[in-house]
Amino acid sequence: MKFTSLLKTVEESELRSKPWVHVSRPAAIGWTAFFVAFMIYAAANTTGFLFIDSANLVVHEGGHLLFSWLGETPCLWGGTILQWAVPLLLAAYFFAQRQAASFAFCLFFFFENWLYTATYMADARALALPLVTTGDPEFAKHDWNTIFTSLGVLRYDTTIASVVRVGGWCGMIATTAWLVWSALSARQSYRR
């Protein structure tokens, strides 16, 4: 199938024509206030570990276990892959269901995971963060030290982490803006 045919199929699909579920004004205000308060909390936090990161850590470690049967390299990458995939797949589900608030929530926390990952990446040379493992702690590896070393980019750990962190912030801000925009545009269309 050619790319233009694929685009035409997507444009004609039922999903594209299905409207988003209306987000009430109080809900939009509440979610926006929550997202803004969370971003203020994240910006003020100096530890690099937010309260939500305890859940992220569990999913991350589960990713190592899930991907371990594929070998050492997939096991190493599996923590971050699952950590990012869970909220992204949930966002995709809610996108398909056209549930704006749920989609925004999952997408927001997909991007929040980038902050958590960036903290871990920035520690690749310093090795100052305590490591958590599901196996023998004696054999624990720092994921990003090992990944960056194998890619030959270890000396750029903080630079890569900064780019990931900025991407996470941009994504959280854009998601919040999208929710406000979608609530306002839905409100305008209801007035017509």
Protein backbone atom coordinates (compact mmCIF):
# COMPACT_ATOMS: atom_id res chain seq x y z
CA MET A 1 0.00 0.00 0.00
CA LYS A 2 1.40 3.37 -0.97
CA PHE A 3 1.80 6.10 1.65
CA THR A 4 -0.80 8.34 0.00
CA SER A 5 -3.30 5.47 -0.03
CA LEU A 6 -2.63 4.88 3.65
CA LEU A 7 -3.21 8.57 4.43
CA LYS A 8 -6.47 8.51 2.48
CA THR A 9 -7.59 5.44 4.42
CA VAL A 10 -6.82 7.14 7.73
CA GLU A 11 -8.66 10.29 6.67
CA GLU A 12 -11.72 8.30 5.68
CA SER A 13 -11.68 6.09 8.74
CA GLU A 14 -14.44 6.10 11.30
CA LEU A 15 -11.93 7.03 14.03
CA ARG A 16 -11.14 10.31 12.34
CA SER A 17 -14.80 11.28 12.11
CA LYS A 18 -15.73 10.15 15.63
CA PRO A 19 -15.93 13.19 17.91
CA TRP A 20 -14.06 13.43 21.19
CA VAL A 21 -16.09 12.87 24.34
CA HIS A 22 -16.90 16.30 25.73
CA VAL A 23 -14.81 17.42 28.71
CA SER A 24 -16.91 19.57 30.99
CA ARG A 25 -15.64 22.96 32.01
CA PRO A 26 -15.13 21.93 35.67
CA ALA A 27 -13.28 18.79 34.57
CA ALA A 28 -11.07 20.76 32.17
CA ILE A 29 -10.28 23.29 34.91
CA GLY A 30 -9.58 20.52 37.41
CA TRP A 31 -7.29 18.56 35.09
CA THR A 32 -5.48 21.70 33.99
CA ALA A 33 -4.96 22.74 37.62
CA PHE A 34 -3.68 19.25 38.44
CA PHE A 35 -1.24 19.23 35.51
CA VAL A 36 0.03 22.75 36.30
CA ALA A 37 0.40 21.91 40.02
CA PHE A 38 2.27 18.72 39.12
CA MET A 39 4.63 20.63 36.81
CA ILE A 40 5.30 23.19 39.55
CA TYR A 41 6.01 20.34 41.97
CA ALA A 42 8.32 18.66 39.41
CA ALA A 43 10.16 21.93 38.68
CA ALA A 44 10.67 22.61 42.39
CA ASN A 45 11.86 19.08 43.14
CA THR A 46 15.64 18.86 43.47
CA THR A 47 15.96 15.11 44.09
CA GLY A 48 15.05 14.01 40.56
CA PHE A 49 12.58 11.48 42.05
CA LEU A 50 8.91 12.46 42.10
CA PHE A 51 6.20 10.63 44.03
CA ILE A 52 4.84 9.06 40.81
CA ASP A 53 8.28 7.62 40.08
CA SER A 54 7.72 4.84 42.62
CA ALA A 55 5.10 3.47 40.22
CA ASN A 56 7.41 4.15 37.26
CA LEU A 57 10.15 2.17 39.01
CA VAL A 58 7.90 -0.87 39.46
CA VAL A 59 6.96 -0.82 35.76
CA HIS A 60 10.63 -0.26 34.82
CA GLU A 61 11.79 -3.30 36.79
CA GLY A 62 8.91 -5.34 35.38
CA GLY A 63 10.18 -4.45 31.92
CA HIS A 64 13.56 -6.01 32.71
CA LEU A 65 11.81 -9.22 33.74
CA LEU A 66 9.45 -9.20 30.77
CA PHE A 67 12.23 -8.69 28.20
CA SER A 68 14.82 -10.89 29.95
CA TRP A 69 13.75 -13.97 28.00
CA LEU A 70 14.85 -12.22 24.78
CA GLY A 71 18.46 -11.93 25.93
CA GLU A 72 20.78 -9.54 27.76
CA THR A 73 20.40 -6.46 25.52
CA PRO A 74 16.58 -6.51 25.33
CA CYS A 75 16.52 -7.11 29.08
CA LEU A 76 18.70 -4.04 29.61
CA TRP A 77 16.53 -1.82 27.38
CA GLY A 78 13.30 -3.49 28.53
CA GLY A 79 12.97 -1.42 31.70
CA THR A 80 12.74 1.87 29.85
CA ILE A 81 10.78 0.35 26.95
CA LEU A 82 7.98 -0.88 29.24
CA GLN A 83 8.13 2.22 31.41
CA TRP A 84 7.42 4.37 28.35
CA ALA A 85 5.14 1.86 26.59
CA VAL A 86 2.57 1.47 29.37
CA PRO A 87 1.37 5.10 29.45
CA LEU A 88 1.81 5.47 25.68
CA LEU A 89 -0.30 2.39 24.92
CA LEU A 90 -2.94 3.56 27.38
CA ALA A 91 -2.91 6.96 25.67
CA ALA A 92 -3.34 5.22 22.30
CA TYR A 93 -6.30 3.27 23.65
CA PHE A 94 -7.99 6.40 24.99
CA PHE A 95 -7.21 8.20 21.72
CA ALA A 96 -9.02 5.44 19.84
CA GLN A 97 -11.93 5.73 22.28
CA ARG A 98 -11.84 9.53 21.86
CA GLN A 99 -11.69 10.05 25.64
CA ALA A 100 -9.93 13.43 25.82
CA ALA A 101 -9.29 13.64 29.58
CA SER A 102 -8.06 10.05 29.84
CA PHE A 103 -5.91 10.46 26.73
CA ALA A 104 -4.38 13.66 28.15
CA PHE A 105 -3.72 12.03 31.54
CA CYS A 106 -1.89 9.06 30.03
CA LEU A 107 0.02 11.19 27.52
CA PHE A 108 1.03 13.63 30.28
CA PHE A 109 2.49 10.80 32.35
CA PHE A 110 4.15 9.28 29.29
CA PHE A 111 6.11 12.52 29.02
CA GLU A 112 6.65 12.67 32.80
CA ASN A 113 8.47 9.36 32.44
CA TRP A 114 11.00 11.19 30.29
CA LEU A 115 12.00 13.27 33.34
CA TYR A 116 12.53 10.11 35.36
CA THR A 117 14.51 8.50 32.54
CA ALA A 118 16.60 11.67 32.09
CA THR A 119 17.59 11.59 35.77
CA TYR A 120 18.78 8.00 35.33
CA MET A 121 20.58 8.85 32.07
CA ALA A 122 22.38 11.82 33.64
CA ASP A 123 23.74 9.48 36.31
CA ALA A 124 25.42 7.17 33.78
CA ARG A 125 28.97 8.38 34.53
CA ALA A 126 28.47 9.56 38.11
CA LEU A 127 26.84 6.29 39.24
CA ALA A 128 25.52 8.08 42.33
CA LEU A 129 21.92 6.86 42.26
CA PRO A 130 21.06 3.75 44.28
CA LEU A 131 20.29 0.84 41.98
CA VAL A 132 17.15 -1.24 42.35
CA THR A 133 17.09 -4.74 40.95
CA THR A 134 14.85 -7.78 40.89
CA GLY A 135 17.85 -10.09 40.96
CA ASP A 136 21.03 -10.38 42.97
CA PRO A 137 22.14 -6.82 43.92
CA GLU A 138 25.75 -7.92 43.56
CA PHE A 139 25.25 -8.24 39.79
CA ALA A 140 23.14 -5.08 39.31
CA LYS A 141 24.10 -2.93 36.34
CA HIS A 142 23.34 0.73 35.77
CA ASP A 143 21.17 0.51 32.63
CA TRP A 144 22.23 3.78 31.06
CA ASN A 145 25.91 3.40 31.91
CA THR A 146 25.86 0.06 30.11
CA ILE A 147 23.71 1.32 27.20
CA PHE A 148 25.70 4.52 26.65
CA THR A 149 29.00 2.64 26.95
CA SER A 150 27.90 0.09 24.34
CA LEU A 151 26.79 2.93 22.02
CA GLY A 152 30.04 4.86 22.60
CA VAL A 153 28.23 7.95 23.90
CA LEU A 154 28.86 7.72 27.66
CA ARG A 155 30.62 11.08 27.76
CA TYR A 156 27.41 12.71 26.45
CA ASP A 157 25.20 11.29 29.20
CA THR A 158 24.20 14.64 30.67
CA THR A 159 23.66 16.20 27.24
CA ILE A 160 21.40 13.34 26.12
CA ALA A 161 19.60 13.51 29.48
CA SER A 162 19.03 17.24 29.02
CA VAL A 163 17.47 16.71 25.59
CA VAL A 164 15.21 13.96 26.99
CA ARG A 165 14.26 16.18 29.96
CA VAL A 166 13.39 19.14 27.69
CA GLY A 167 11.35 16.77 25.50
CA GLY A 168 9.46 15.59 28.58
CA TRP A 169 8.71 19.15 29.67
CA CYS A 170 7.61 20.15 26.17
CA GLY A 171 5.35 17.10 25.98
CA MET A 172 3.72 17.77 29.37
CA ILE A 173 3.13 21.43 28.49
CA ALA A 174 1.80 20.57 25.02
CA THR A 175 -0.52 17.91 26.46
CA THR A 176 -1.93 20.40 28.98
CA ALA A 177 -2.38 23.00 26.23
CA TRP A 178 -4.09 20.42 24.01
CA LEU A 179 -6.56 19.52 26.76
CA VAL A 180 -7.44 23.18 27.29
CA TRP A 181 -7.75 23.73 23.54
CA SER A 182 -9.92 20.63 23.04
CA ALA A 183 -12.21 21.63 25.92
CA LEU A 184 -12.55 25.17 24.57
CA SER A 185 -13.09 24.08 20.97
CA ALA A 186 -15.69 21.50 22.02
CA ARG A 187 -17.43 24.18 24.05
CA GLN A 188 -17.47 26.48 21.00
CA SER A 189 -18.98 23.78 18.80
CA TYR A 190 -21.71 23.09 21.36
CA ARG A 191 -22.67 26.78 21.30
CA ARG A 192 -23.24 26.70 17.53
